[in-house]
Amino acid sequence: MDSDIRLYFDENVETAVADQMRERGIECVTVRDLNLLGDTDENHLQRAADMGYVLCTYDSDYSRLHAEGFPHAGIVFAKERTTSIGDWVRGLELICGVLNADDMKNHIEYL
């Protein structure tokens, strides 16, 4: 898949989602890859923004940070317990196929 969107998965999203996106040619990183389990939401969002990565999460605390004007490279939310790995993959494929990195800046998408 040809996309300039890169994905940053917080610790709550299953690592299998990142694995599936990598298989589809999407650049991504997980909090586990970075050895940053337990870091604050603010730090994760700032780091993802600094790296130019869209943050993928189940954690609604990121919507508060967005509402407070915290700049970011984009956030993708899903509902925990009702969103499968396949739902994540299909939703992210659609986002990466339709939007670009500029579209995602300071923007939220919901799966």
N, C-alpha and C. Protein backbone atom coordinates (compact mmCIF):
# COMPACT_ATOMS: atom_id res chain seq x y z
N MET A 1 0.85 -1.18 0.00
CA MET A 1 0.00 0.00 0.00
C MET A 1 0.89 1.24 0.00
N ASP A 2 0.55 2.17 -0.83
CA ASP A 2 1.32 3.40 -0.93
C ASP A 2 0.66 4.48 -0.07
N SER A 3 1.25 4.77 1.08
CA SER A 3 0.69 5.76 1.99
C SER A 3 1.83 6.47 2.71
N ASP A 4 1.65 7.77 2.94
CA ASP A 4 2.66 8.48 3.72
C ASP A 4 2.27 8.55 5.21
N ILE A 5 1.16 7.92 5.57
CA ILE A 5 0.77 7.86 6.98
C ILE A 5 1.58 6.76 7.66
N ARG A 6 2.14 7.12 8.81
CA ARG A 6 2.88 6.17 9.65
C ARG A 6 2.13 6.04 10.97
N LEU A 7 2.16 4.87 11.56
CA LEU A 7 1.31 4.57 12.71
C LEU A 7 2.12 4.26 13.96
N TYR A 8 1.65 4.78 15.08
CA TYR A 8 2.24 4.58 16.41
C TYR A 8 1.15 3.94 17.26
N PHE A 9 1.38 2.72 17.71
CA PHE A 9 0.38 1.99 18.51
C PHE A 9 0.71 2.08 19.98
N ASP A 10 -0.27 2.55 20.77
CA ASP A 10 -0.04 2.59 22.21
C ASP A 10 -0.11 1.18 22.77
N GLU A 11 0.13 1.05 24.06
CA GLU A 11 0.30 -0.28 24.65
C GLU A 11 -0.98 -1.08 24.74
N ASN A 12 -2.13 -0.46 24.53
CA ASN A 12 -3.39 -1.18 24.63
C ASN A 12 -3.82 -1.86 23.33
N VAL A 13 -3.27 -1.44 22.23
CA VAL A 13 -3.63 -2.04 20.94
C VAL A 13 -2.79 -3.29 20.73
N GLU A 14 -3.44 -4.34 20.30
CA GLU A 14 -2.78 -5.62 20.08
C GLU A 14 -1.64 -5.47 19.07
N THR A 15 -0.49 -6.06 19.38
CA THR A 15 0.67 -5.95 18.49
C THR A 15 0.41 -6.61 17.14
N ALA A 16 -0.54 -7.52 17.10
CA ALA A 16 -0.89 -8.16 15.82
C ALA A 16 -1.39 -7.14 14.81
N VAL A 17 -1.99 -6.05 15.26
CA VAL A 17 -2.44 -5.01 14.34
C VAL A 17 -1.24 -4.38 13.65
N ALA A 18 -0.22 -4.04 14.41
CA ALA A 18 1.01 -3.48 13.83
C ALA A 18 1.64 -4.47 12.87
N ASP A 19 1.68 -5.75 13.25
CA ASP A 19 2.25 -6.76 12.37
C ASP A 19 1.51 -6.81 11.03
N GLN A 20 0.19 -6.77 11.10
CA GLN A 20 -0.62 -6.81 9.88
C GLN A 20 -0.40 -5.56 9.01
N MET A 21 -0.27 -4.42 9.64
CA MET A 21 -0.06 -3.19 8.87
C MET A 21 1.32 -3.20 8.23
N ARG A 22 2.31 -3.71 8.93
CA ARG A 22 3.66 -3.82 8.34
C ARG A 22 3.63 -4.73 7.12
N GLU A 23 2.87 -5.83 7.21
CA GLU A 23 2.76 -6.74 6.07
C GLU A 23 2.12 -6.05 4.86
N ARG A 24 1.37 -4.99 5.11
CA ARG A 24 0.73 -4.24 4.05
C ARG A 24 1.57 -3.05 3.60
N GLY A 25 2.78 -2.95 4.13
CA GLY A 25 3.71 -1.91 3.70
C GLY A 25 3.56 -0.58 4.40
N ILE A 26 2.82 -0.56 5.52
CA ILE A 26 2.64 0.68 6.28
C ILE A 26 3.69 0.71 7.39
N GLU A 27 4.42 1.80 7.44
CA GLU A 27 5.43 1.96 8.49
C GLU A 27 4.74 2.18 9.82
N CYS A 28 5.15 1.43 10.82
CA CYS A 28 4.55 1.60 12.14
C CYS A 28 5.51 1.18 13.24
N VAL A 29 5.16 1.61 14.45
CA VAL A 29 5.95 1.30 15.63
C VAL A 29 4.97 1.10 16.79
N THR A 30 5.36 0.25 17.71
CA THR A 30 4.55 0.07 18.92
C THR A 30 5.31 0.59 20.13
N VAL A 31 4.58 0.87 21.18
CA VAL A 31 5.19 1.29 22.44
C VAL A 31 6.14 0.20 22.93
N ARG A 32 5.77 -1.05 22.68
CA ARG A 32 6.64 -2.17 23.07
C ARG A 32 7.95 -2.13 22.29
N ASP A 33 7.88 -1.82 20.99
CA ASP A 33 9.09 -1.71 20.18
C ASP A 33 10.06 -0.69 20.78
N LEU A 34 9.49 0.37 21.31
CA LEU A 34 10.28 1.47 21.84
C LEU A 34 10.64 1.28 23.32
N ASN A 35 10.19 0.18 23.91
CA ASN A 35 10.42 -0.10 25.33
C ASN A 35 9.90 1.04 26.21
N LEU A 36 8.68 1.50 25.90
CA LEU A 36 8.12 2.63 26.64
C LEU A 36 6.77 2.31 27.27
N LEU A 37 6.58 1.05 27.65
CA LEU A 37 5.36 0.67 28.34
C LEU A 37 5.22 1.48 29.61
N GLY A 38 4.01 1.97 29.88
CA GLY A 38 3.76 2.71 31.12
C GLY A 38 4.04 4.19 31.04
N ASP A 39 4.53 4.69 29.91
CA ASP A 39 4.78 6.12 29.78
C ASP A 39 3.43 6.86 29.76
N THR A 40 3.45 8.15 29.98
CA THR A 40 2.21 8.93 30.05
C THR A 40 1.60 9.13 28.66
N ASP A 41 0.29 9.37 28.65
CA ASP A 41 -0.40 9.65 27.40
C ASP A 41 0.20 10.89 26.72
N GLU A 42 0.50 11.90 27.51
CA GLU A 42 1.08 13.12 26.96
C GLU A 42 2.40 12.84 26.25
N ASN A 43 3.23 12.03 26.89
CA ASN A 43 4.52 11.69 26.29
C ASN A 43 4.35 10.88 25.01
N HIS A 44 3.42 9.92 25.03
CA HIS A 44 3.18 9.13 23.82
C HIS A 44 2.69 10.02 22.68
N LEU A 45 1.74 10.89 22.96
CA LEU A 45 1.20 11.75 21.91
C LEU A 45 2.26 12.72 21.39
N GLN A 46 3.07 13.26 22.29
CA GLN A 46 4.15 14.17 21.88
C GLN A 46 5.19 13.43 21.05
N ARG A 47 5.58 12.25 21.49
CA ARG A 47 6.58 11.46 20.77
C ARG A 47 6.06 11.09 19.37
N ALA A 48 4.82 10.63 19.31
CA ALA A 48 4.23 10.28 18.02
C ALA A 48 4.22 11.51 17.10
N ALA A 49 3.86 12.66 17.63
CA ALA A 49 3.85 13.88 16.83
C ALA A 49 5.25 14.25 16.37
N ASP A 50 6.22 14.17 17.27
CA ASP A 50 7.60 14.49 16.91
C ASP A 50 8.11 13.56 15.81
N MET A 51 7.68 12.31 15.85
CA MET A 51 8.09 11.33 14.85
C MET A 51 7.26 11.43 13.56
N GLY A 52 6.14 12.17 13.63
CA GLY A 52 5.24 12.27 12.49
C GLY A 52 4.35 11.06 12.32
N TYR A 53 4.02 10.38 13.43
CA TYR A 53 3.21 9.17 13.41
C TYR A 53 1.81 9.44 13.97
N VAL A 54 0.82 8.84 13.36
CA VAL A 54 -0.55 8.89 13.85
C VAL A 54 -0.67 7.90 15.01
N LEU A 55 -1.19 8.35 16.13
CA LEU A 55 -1.33 7.50 17.32
C LEU A 55 -2.62 6.69 17.22
N CYS A 56 -2.51 5.38 17.42
CA CYS A 56 -3.66 4.46 17.38
C CYS A 56 -3.90 3.94 18.79
N THR A 57 -5.16 4.01 19.25
CA THR A 57 -5.44 3.72 20.65
C THR A 57 -6.89 3.35 20.90
N TYR A 58 -7.12 2.75 22.05
CA TYR A 58 -8.46 2.58 22.61
C TYR A 58 -8.72 3.64 23.68
N ASP A 59 -7.70 4.35 24.09
CA ASP A 59 -7.73 5.22 25.27
C ASP A 59 -8.36 6.58 24.97
N SER A 60 -9.52 6.83 25.56
CA SER A 60 -10.24 8.08 25.31
C SER A 60 -9.57 9.31 25.93
N ASP A 61 -8.56 9.10 26.78
CA ASP A 61 -7.84 10.25 27.35
C ASP A 61 -7.20 11.10 26.25
N TYR A 62 -6.89 10.49 25.13
CA TYR A 62 -6.28 11.25 24.04
C TYR A 62 -7.26 12.25 23.43
N SER A 63 -8.56 11.97 23.50
CA SER A 63 -9.54 12.94 22.99
C SER A 63 -9.53 14.19 23.86
N ARG A 64 -9.30 14.02 25.16
CA ARG A 64 -9.18 15.18 26.06
C ARG A 64 -7.98 16.03 25.67
N LEU A 65 -6.85 15.37 25.41
CA LEU A 65 -5.65 16.11 25.01
C LEU A 65 -5.90 16.85 23.70
N HIS A 66 -6.59 16.21 22.77
CA HIS A 66 -6.93 16.86 21.50
C HIS A 66 -7.80 18.09 21.77
N ALA A 67 -8.83 17.93 22.62
CA ALA A 67 -9.74 19.03 22.93
C ALA A 67 -9.03 20.19 23.62
N GLU A 68 -7.97 19.87 24.36
CA GLU A 68 -7.18 20.91 25.04
C GLU A 68 -6.20 21.60 24.10
N GLY A 69 -6.16 21.16 22.83
CA GLY A 69 -5.30 21.80 21.84
C GLY A 69 -3.90 21.23 21.75
N PHE A 70 -3.67 20.07 22.34
CA PHE A 70 -2.37 19.40 22.27
C PHE A 70 -2.12 19.03 20.81
N PRO A 71 -1.07 19.59 20.17
CA PRO A 71 -0.83 19.29 18.76
C PRO A 71 -0.41 17.83 18.55
N HIS A 72 -0.85 17.25 17.45
CA HIS A 72 -0.52 15.85 17.17
C HIS A 72 -0.56 15.59 15.68
N ALA A 73 -0.04 14.44 15.30
CA ALA A 73 0.01 14.04 13.88
C ALA A 73 -1.22 13.25 13.48
N GLY A 74 -2.19 13.13 14.39
CA GLY A 74 -3.42 12.41 14.14
C GLY A 74 -3.63 11.34 15.19
N ILE A 75 -4.90 11.01 15.42
CA ILE A 75 -5.26 9.98 16.38
C ILE A 75 -6.34 9.11 15.74
N VAL A 76 -6.20 7.81 15.90
CA VAL A 76 -7.24 6.87 15.49
C VAL A 76 -7.70 6.14 16.74
N PHE A 77 -9.02 6.20 16.99
CA PHE A 77 -9.63 5.55 18.15
C PHE A 77 -10.46 4.35 17.71
N ALA A 78 -10.52 3.37 18.58
CA ALA A 78 -11.44 2.25 18.42
C ALA A 78 -12.01 1.93 19.80
N LYS A 79 -13.17 1.28 19.81
CA LYS A 79 -13.78 0.86 21.07
C LYS A 79 -13.17 -0.46 21.51
N GLU A 80 -12.66 -0.45 22.73
CA GLU A 80 -12.09 -1.68 23.28
C GLU A 80 -13.21 -2.70 23.50
N ARG A 81 -12.91 -3.93 23.36
CA ARG A 81 -13.80 -5.09 23.53
C ARG A 81 -14.74 -5.31 22.34
N THR A 82 -14.95 -4.31 21.52
CA THR A 82 -15.84 -4.52 20.37
C THR A 82 -15.11 -4.40 19.03
N THR A 83 -13.86 -3.99 19.06
CA THR A 83 -13.08 -3.83 17.84
C THR A 83 -12.08 -4.98 17.74
N SER A 84 -12.20 -5.75 16.69
CA SER A 84 -11.29 -6.89 16.49
C SER A 84 -10.01 -6.43 15.79
N ILE A 85 -9.05 -7.31 15.75
CA ILE A 85 -7.82 -7.03 15.00
C ILE A 85 -8.17 -6.77 13.54
N GLY A 86 -9.07 -7.57 12.99
CA GLY A 86 -9.51 -7.36 11.61
C GLY A 86 -10.17 -6.01 11.40
N ASP A 87 -10.97 -5.56 12.38
CA ASP A 87 -11.60 -4.23 12.29
C ASP A 87 -10.53 -3.15 12.24
N TRP A 88 -9.52 -3.28 13.10
CA TRP A 88 -8.41 -2.32 13.09
C TRP A 88 -7.75 -2.29 11.71
N VAL A 89 -7.41 -3.47 11.20
CA VAL A 89 -6.68 -3.55 9.94
C VAL A 89 -7.50 -2.96 8.81
N ARG A 90 -8.77 -3.34 8.70
CA ARG A 90 -9.63 -2.80 7.63
C ARG A 90 -9.78 -1.29 7.76
N GLY A 91 -10.00 -0.82 8.99
CA GLY A 91 -10.16 0.62 9.20
C GLY A 91 -8.90 1.40 8.88
N LEU A 92 -7.76 0.89 9.32
CA LEU A 92 -6.49 1.58 9.04
C LEU A 92 -6.13 1.53 7.56
N GLU A 93 -6.46 0.42 6.90
CA GLU A 93 -6.23 0.35 5.45
C GLU A 93 -7.04 1.44 4.74
N LEU A 94 -8.28 1.61 5.15
CA LEU A 94 -9.12 2.64 4.55
C LEU A 94 -8.54 4.03 4.81
N ILE A 95 -8.20 4.31 6.06
CA ILE A 95 -7.63 5.62 6.41
C ILE A 95 -6.36 5.88 5.60
N CYS A 96 -5.46 4.90 5.55
CA CYS A 96 -4.19 5.07 4.83
C CYS A 96 -4.40 5.15 3.32
N GLY A 97 -5.48 4.59 2.83
CA GLY A 97 -5.76 4.63 1.40
C GLY A 97 -6.44 5.90 0.94
N VAL A 98 -7.15 6.57 1.86
CA VAL A 98 -7.95 7.73 1.49
C VAL A 98 -7.32 9.05 1.96
N LEU A 99 -6.70 9.03 3.12
CA LEU A 99 -6.13 10.24 3.69
C LEU A 99 -4.62 10.23 3.57
N ASN A 100 -4.02 11.40 3.74
CA ASN A 100 -2.56 11.47 3.79
C ASN A 100 -2.14 12.08 5.13
N ALA A 101 -0.84 12.13 5.35
CA ALA A 101 -0.32 12.61 6.63
C ALA A 101 -0.78 14.03 6.94
N ASP A 102 -0.85 14.89 5.94
CA ASP A 102 -1.33 16.26 6.18
C ASP A 102 -2.79 16.28 6.60
N ASP A 103 -3.62 15.41 6.00
CA ASP A 103 -5.02 15.33 6.38
C ASP A 103 -5.19 14.94 7.84
N MET A 104 -4.28 14.12 8.35
CA MET A 104 -4.41 13.59 9.71
C MET A 104 -3.90 14.54 10.78
N LYS A 105 -3.13 15.56 10.43
CA LYS A 105 -2.59 16.47 11.44
C LYS A 105 -3.71 17.09 12.26
N ASN A 106 -3.63 16.91 13.57
CA ASN A 106 -4.61 17.44 14.53
C ASN A 106 -6.04 16.99 14.22
N HIS A 107 -6.17 15.80 13.64
CA HIS A 107 -7.45 15.22 13.24
C HIS A 107 -7.64 13.88 13.95
N ILE A 108 -8.90 13.57 14.25
CA ILE A 108 -9.23 12.30 14.87
C ILE A 108 -10.12 11.50 13.93
N GLU A 109 -9.81 10.21 13.82
CA GLU A 109 -10.67 9.25 13.10
C GLU A 109 -11.12 8.19 14.08
N TYR A 110 -12.35 7.75 13.92
CA TYR A 110 -12.91 6.71 14.78
C TYR A 110 -13.21 5.48 13.93
N LEU A 111 -12.82 4.31 14.44
CA LEU A 111 -13.13 3.06 13.74
C LEU A 111 -14.50 2.57 14.16
